[in-house]
Amino acid sequence: MERPKTPGFFANELPQDRSLRLAFARLSGAVAELPLRYAPFFSRLSALWELPEDRIVAELTRANDPRSWSWSLVRGLKTFEVKRDGASAAHARLLHFAPGSLLPKHRHRGAERVLVLEGSYADASGFEVQAGEMQTTSEHSEHELRILGDVPCVAAVTEHGVDFELVGLLRSWRKGR
């Protein structure tokens, strides 16, 4: 019986090579999941959400459960509420936008800070915010956003609330169908 062919360097793999490859696969799988997926952002999330890093890890672990996310009125947007005891009046959230989705025109009730964790978006003027970048929006400002590319956009935010134009919300639903 002929030995099955294996790709490239795996054909003559030594036992220690196999151990390293399997260990790397386990490590890669572990960091693909929350909370480690966003480990490079722990200190920035701590500052944004006004929480110590151990609480960031706890919240991101909680966010790993799909039941802890809620669908919003905006098509393609799920939200995760971050629990903060005694923190500022701002809401802290994770936002998960489906690829290509539109966040219709809205007005900010207070300042908003956004840290993009993965993916990217552009506002109506064409200004793009990529993974690892932060955007601050002033109180009473208005804008709309489009998620770029074919991957979801995940962003961490603090905000005081937004008001959507009803017409914009309805248009976003019509475009999605």
C-alpha atoms as a PDB file:
ATOM      1  CA  MET A   1       0.000   0.000   0.000  1.00  0.00           C
ATOM      2  CA  GLU A   2       1.342   3.402  -0.964  1.00  0.00           C
ATOM      3  CA  ARG A   3       1.722   6.063   1.727  1.00  0.00           C
ATOM      4  CA  PRO A   4      -0.680   9.007   1.197  1.00  0.00           C
ATOM      5  CA  LYS A   5       0.938  12.136  -0.142  1.00  0.00           C
ATOM      6  CA  THR A   6       1.135  15.084   2.238  1.00  0.00           C
ATOM      7  CA  PRO A   7       1.777  18.645   1.209  1.00  0.00           C
ATOM      8  CA  GLY A   8       5.273  20.116   1.190  1.00  0.00           C
ATOM      9  CA  PHE A   9       7.333  19.874   4.356  1.00  0.00           C
ATOM     10  CA  PHE A  10       4.826  17.608   6.164  1.00  0.00           C
ATOM     11  CA  ALA A  11       5.900  14.606   4.040  1.00  0.00           C
ATOM     12  CA  ASN A  12       9.178  14.125   5.932  1.00  0.00           C
ATOM     13  CA  GLU A  13       7.995  15.522   9.238  1.00  0.00           C
ATOM     14  CA  LEU A  14       9.856  14.516  12.389  1.00  0.00           C
ATOM     15  CA  PRO A  15       7.874  13.763  15.589  1.00  0.00           C
ATOM     16  CA  GLN A  16       9.007  17.025  17.205  1.00  0.00           C
ATOM     17  CA  ASP A  17       7.884  18.915  14.080  1.00  0.00           C
ATOM     18  CA  ARG A  18       4.425  17.371  14.399  1.00  0.00           C
ATOM     19  CA  SER A  19       4.274  18.399  18.067  1.00  0.00           C
ATOM     20  CA  LEU A  20       5.189  21.976  17.172  1.00  0.00           C
ATOM     21  CA  ARG A  21       2.634  22.070  14.347  1.00  0.00           C
ATOM     22  CA  LEU A  22      -0.130  20.755  16.616  1.00  0.00           C
ATOM     23  CA  ALA A  23       0.818  23.174  19.401  1.00  0.00           C
ATOM     24  CA  PHE A  24       0.734  26.047  16.920  1.00  0.00           C
ATOM     25  CA  ALA A  25      -2.712  24.926  15.710  1.00  0.00           C
ATOM     26  CA  ARG A  26      -4.007  24.852  19.324  1.00  0.00           C
ATOM     27  CA  LEU A  27      -2.526  28.283  20.032  1.00  0.00           C
ATOM     28  CA  SER A  28      -3.970  29.712  16.813  1.00  0.00           C
ATOM     29  CA  GLY A  29      -7.390  28.361  17.737  1.00  0.00           C
ATOM     30  CA  ALA A  30      -7.198  29.821  21.240  1.00  0.00           C
ATOM     31  CA  VAL A  31      -6.301  33.325  20.088  1.00  0.00           C
ATOM     32  CA  ALA A  32      -9.019  33.295  17.432  1.00  0.00           C
ATOM     33  CA  GLU A  33     -11.651  33.246  20.212  1.00  0.00           C
ATOM     34  CA  LEU A  34     -12.580  35.902  22.720  1.00  0.00           C
ATOM     35  CA  PRO A  35     -11.078  37.195  24.918  1.00  0.00           C
ATOM     36  CA  LEU A  36      -7.613  36.570  23.420  1.00  0.00           C
ATOM     37  CA  ARG A  37      -8.716  37.672  19.941  1.00  0.00           C
ATOM     38  CA  TYR A  38      -8.572  41.266  21.169  1.00  0.00           C
ATOM     39  CA  ALA A  39      -5.597  40.902  23.534  1.00  0.00           C
ATOM     40  CA  PRO A  40      -3.596  43.559  21.629  1.00  0.00           C
ATOM     41  CA  PHE A  41      -6.354  46.040  22.544  1.00  0.00           C
ATOM     42  CA  PHE A  42      -6.748  45.251  26.266  1.00  0.00           C
ATOM     43  CA  SER A  43      -5.061  48.442  27.517  1.00  0.00           C
ATOM     44  CA  ARG A  44      -6.906  50.628  24.994  1.00  0.00           C
ATOM     45  CA  LEU A  45     -10.237  48.988  25.894  1.00  0.00           C
ATOM     46  CA  SER A  46      -9.439  49.527  29.559  1.00  0.00           C
ATOM     47  CA  ALA A  47      -9.012  53.257  28.944  1.00  0.00           C
ATOM     48  CA  LEU A  48     -12.040  53.495  26.636  1.00  0.00           C
ATOM     49  CA  TRP A  49     -14.444  51.633  28.911  1.00  0.00           C
ATOM     50  CA  GLU A  50     -12.867  52.844  32.185  1.00  0.00           C
ATOM     51  CA  LEU A  51     -12.388  49.279  33.441  1.00  0.00           C
ATOM     52  CA  PRO A  52      -9.343  47.402  34.739  1.00  0.00           C
ATOM     53  CA  GLU A  53      -7.903  44.820  32.347  1.00  0.00           C
ATOM     54  CA  ASP A  54      -9.207  41.863  34.359  1.00  0.00           C
ATOM     55  CA  ARG A  55     -12.739  43.220  33.828  1.00  0.00           C
ATOM     56  CA  ILE A  56     -11.985  43.674  30.097  1.00  0.00           C
ATOM     57  CA  VAL A  57     -11.080  39.985  29.942  1.00  0.00           C
ATOM     58  CA  ALA A  58     -14.265  39.079  31.852  1.00  0.00           C
ATOM     59  CA  GLU A  59     -16.479  41.159  29.557  1.00  0.00           C
ATOM     60  CA  LEU A  60     -14.862  39.802  26.389  1.00  0.00           C
ATOM     61  CA  THR A  61     -15.272  36.270  27.758  1.00  0.00           C
ATOM     62  CA  ARG A  62     -18.960  37.029  28.323  1.00  0.00           C
ATOM     63  CA  ALA A  63     -19.162  38.404  24.761  1.00  0.00           C
ATOM     64  CA  ASN A  64     -18.025  35.010  23.475  1.00  0.00           C
ATOM     65  CA  ASP A  65     -21.542  33.728  24.256  1.00  0.00           C
ATOM     66  CA  PRO A  66     -23.822  34.557  21.283  1.00  0.00           C
ATOM     67  CA  ARG A  67     -26.793  34.842  23.679  1.00  0.00           C
ATOM     68  CA  SER A  68     -25.199  37.920  25.279  1.00  0.00           C
ATOM     69  CA  TRP A  69     -25.582  39.878  22.030  1.00  0.00           C
ATOM     70  CA  SER A  70     -28.754  41.689  20.939  1.00  0.00           C
ATOM     71  CA  TRP A  71     -29.995  42.573  17.492  1.00  0.00           C
ATOM     72  CA  SER A  72     -30.623  46.291  17.045  1.00  0.00           C
ATOM     73  CA  LEU A  73     -33.161  48.174  14.944  1.00  0.00           C
ATOM     74  CA  VAL A  74     -30.404  48.700  12.385  1.00  0.00           C
ATOM     75  CA  ARG A  75     -30.184  45.889   9.835  1.00  0.00           C
ATOM     76  CA  GLY A  76     -26.939  43.910  10.243  1.00  0.00           C
ATOM     77  CA  LEU A  77     -25.999  45.361  13.641  1.00  0.00           C
ATOM     78  CA  LYS A  78     -25.683  43.344  16.855  1.00  0.00           C
ATOM     79  CA  THR A  79     -24.744  44.977  20.158  1.00  0.00           C
ATOM     80  CA  PHE A  80     -23.135  43.773  23.358  1.00  0.00           C
ATOM     81  CA  GLU A  81     -23.638  45.870  26.507  1.00  0.00           C
ATOM     82  CA  VAL A  82     -20.522  46.100  28.676  1.00  0.00           C
ATOM     83  CA  LYS A  83     -21.280  45.964  32.404  1.00  0.00           C
ATOM     84  CA  ARG A  84     -19.651  48.836  34.265  1.00  0.00           C
ATOM     85  CA  ASP A  85     -20.371  49.566  37.919  1.00  0.00           C
ATOM     86  CA  GLY A  86     -20.099  53.202  38.902  1.00  0.00           C
ATOM     87  CA  ALA A  87     -18.442  54.278  35.662  1.00  0.00           C
ATOM     88  CA  SER A  88     -19.299  57.430  33.734  1.00  0.00           C
ATOM     89  CA  ALA A  89     -22.762  58.039  32.279  1.00  0.00           C
ATOM     90  CA  ALA A  90     -21.639  56.914  28.828  1.00  0.00           C
ATOM     91  CA  HIS A  91     -22.788  53.526  27.536  1.00  0.00           C
ATOM     92  CA  ALA A  92     -20.027  51.038  26.753  1.00  0.00           C
ATOM     93  CA  ARG A  93     -20.657  48.537  23.987  1.00  0.00           C
ATOM     94  CA  LEU A  94     -19.245  46.234  21.398  1.00  0.00           C
ATOM     95  CA  LEU A  95     -20.858  46.649  17.987  1.00  0.00           C
ATOM     96  CA  HIS A  96     -20.783  43.896  15.357  1.00  0.00           C
ATOM     97  CA  PHE A  97     -21.715  45.060  11.866  1.00  0.00           C
ATOM     98  CA  ALA A  98     -22.364  42.628   9.029  1.00  0.00           C
ATOM     99  CA  PRO A  99     -20.207  43.172   5.915  1.00  0.00           C
ATOM    100  CA  GLY A 100     -21.564  45.922   3.681  1.00  0.00           C
ATOM    101  CA  SER A 101     -24.153  47.103   6.190  1.00  0.00           C
ATOM    102  CA  LEU A 102     -25.166  50.727   6.567  1.00  0.00           C
ATOM    103  CA  LEU A 103     -25.566  52.630   9.816  1.00  0.00           C
ATOM    104  CA  PRO A 104     -28.098  55.250   8.709  1.00  0.00           C
ATOM    105  CA  LYS A 105     -27.775  58.933   9.420  1.00  0.00           C
ATOM    106  CA  HIS A 106     -27.914  59.622  13.138  1.00  0.00           C
ATOM    107  CA  ARG A 107     -27.200  62.422  15.615  1.00  0.00           C
ATOM    108  CA  HIS A 108     -25.055  61.938  18.710  1.00  0.00           C
ATOM    109  CA  ARG A 109     -26.511  63.016  22.069  1.00  0.00           C
ATOM    110  CA  GLY A 110     -23.001  63.340  23.482  1.00  0.00           C
ATOM    111  CA  ALA A 111     -19.424  62.666  22.503  1.00  0.00           C
ATOM    112  CA  GLU A 112     -18.728  59.206  21.090  1.00  0.00           C
ATOM    113  CA  ARG A 113     -15.417  57.335  21.009  1.00  0.00           C
ATOM    114  CA  VAL A 114     -15.000  54.335  18.718  1.00  0.00           C
ATOM    115  CA  LEU A 115     -12.094  51.869  18.627  1.00  0.00           C
ATOM    116  CA  VAL A 116     -12.287  49.547  15.610  1.00  0.00           C
ATOM    117  CA  LEU A 117     -11.152  46.056  16.614  1.00  0.00           C
ATOM    118  CA  GLU A 118     -11.539  44.414  13.211  1.00  0.00           C
ATOM    119  CA  GLY A 119     -12.847  45.395   9.808  1.00  0.00           C
ATOM    120  CA  SER A 120     -13.370  49.000   8.749  1.00  0.00           C
ATOM    121  CA  TYR A 121     -15.984  51.603   7.916  1.00  0.00           C
ATOM    122  CA  ALA A 122     -16.323  54.865   6.019  1.00  0.00           C
ATOM    123  CA  ASP A 123     -18.583  57.820   6.674  1.00  0.00           C
ATOM    124  CA  ALA A 124     -20.574  59.630   3.986  1.00  0.00           C
ATOM    125  CA  SER A 125     -17.628  61.963   3.274  1.00  0.00           C
ATOM    126  CA  GLY A 126     -15.381  58.955   2.541  1.00  0.00           C
ATOM    127  CA  PHE A 127     -13.343  59.185   5.766  1.00  0.00           C
ATOM    128  CA  GLU A 128     -12.230  55.610   6.603  1.00  0.00           C
ATOM    129  CA  VAL A 129     -11.523  54.090  10.006  1.00  0.00           C
ATOM    130  CA  GLN A 130      -9.540  50.827   9.986  1.00  0.00           C
ATOM    131  CA  ALA A 131      -8.859  48.171  12.625  1.00  0.00           C
ATOM    132  CA  GLY A 132      -6.698  49.607  15.402  1.00  0.00           C
ATOM    133  CA  GLU A 133      -7.829  53.188  14.758  1.00  0.00           C
ATOM    134  CA  MET A 134      -9.956  55.344  16.996  1.00  0.00           C
ATOM    135  CA  GLN A 135     -12.495  57.978  16.023  1.00  0.00           C
ATOM    136  CA  THR A 136     -14.041  60.595  18.299  1.00  0.00           C
ATOM    137  CA  THR A 137     -17.311  62.217  17.312  1.00  0.00           C
ATOM    138  CA  SER A 138     -18.524  65.375  19.000  1.00  0.00           C
ATOM    139  CA  GLU A 139     -21.876  65.943  20.668  1.00  0.00           C
ATOM    140  CA  HIS A 140     -24.730  66.748  18.243  1.00  0.00           C
ATOM    141  CA  SER A 141     -22.708  65.692  15.193  1.00  0.00           C
ATOM    142  CA  GLU A 142     -24.513  63.777  12.438  1.00  0.00           C
ATOM    143  CA  HIS A 143     -23.218  61.140  10.070  1.00  0.00           C
ATOM    144  CA  GLU A 144     -23.861  57.756   8.496  1.00  0.00           C
ATOM    145  CA  LEU A 145     -21.467  54.850   8.107  1.00  0.00           C
ATOM    146  CA  ARG A 146     -20.955  52.038   5.595  1.00  0.00           C
ATOM    147  CA  ILE A 147     -19.047  48.886   6.531  1.00  0.00           C
ATOM    148  CA  LEU A 148     -16.242  48.294   4.032  1.00  0.00           C
ATOM    149  CA  GLY A 149     -15.119  45.036   2.478  1.00  0.00           C
ATOM    150  CA  ASP A 150     -16.486  41.554   2.861  1.00  0.00           C
ATOM    151  CA  VAL A 151     -15.695  41.017   6.549  1.00  0.00           C
ATOM    152  CA  PRO A 152     -17.641  42.129   9.623  1.00  0.00           C
ATOM    153  CA  CYS A 153     -16.629  45.271  11.456  1.00  0.00           C
ATOM    154  CA  VAL A 154     -16.346  44.989  15.238  1.00  0.00           C
ATOM    155  CA  ALA A 155     -15.967  48.183  17.216  1.00  0.00           C
ATOM    156  CA  ALA A 156     -15.789  49.099  20.899  1.00  0.00           C
ATOM    157  CA  VAL A 157     -17.646  52.316  21.741  1.00  0.00           C
ATOM    158  CA  THR A 158     -18.574  54.669  24.507  1.00  0.00           C
ATOM    159  CA  GLU A 159     -21.480  56.934  23.716  1.00  0.00           C
ATOM    160  CA  HIS A 160     -24.368  58.808  25.299  1.00  0.00           C
ATOM    161  CA  GLY A 161     -27.005  57.696  22.822  1.00  0.00           C
ATOM    162  CA  VAL A 162     -27.941  58.416  19.232  1.00  0.00           C
ATOM    163  CA  ASP A 163     -31.110  59.529  17.486  1.00  0.00           C
ATOM    164  CA  PHE A 164     -31.847  58.042  14.080  1.00  0.00           C
ATOM    165  CA  GLU A 165     -33.938  59.624  11.388  1.00  0.00           C
ATOM    166  CA  LEU A 166     -36.885  57.279  10.869  1.00  0.00           C
ATOM    167  CA  VAL A 167     -36.564  57.663   7.101  1.00  0.00           C
ATOM    168  CA  GLY A 168     -32.905  56.539   7.281  1.00  0.00           C
ATOM    169  CA  LEU A 169     -33.792  53.456   9.322  1.00  0.00           C
ATOM    170  CA  LEU A 170     -36.520  52.485   6.856  1.00  0.00           C
ATOM    171  CA  ARG A 171     -34.174  52.993   3.895  1.00  0.00           C
ATOM    172  CA  SER A 172     -31.540  50.768   5.484  1.00  0.00           C
ATOM    173  CA  TRP A 173     -34.129  47.988   5.802  1.00  0.00           C
ATOM    174  CA  ARG A 174     -35.314  48.393   2.209  1.00  0.00           C
ATOM    175  CA  LYS A 175     -31.728  48.275   0.854  1.00  0.00           C
ATOM    176  CA  GLY A 176     -31.040  45.080   2.759  1.00  0.00           C
ATOM    177  CA  ARG A 177     -33.863  43.164   1.103  1.00  0.00           C
END
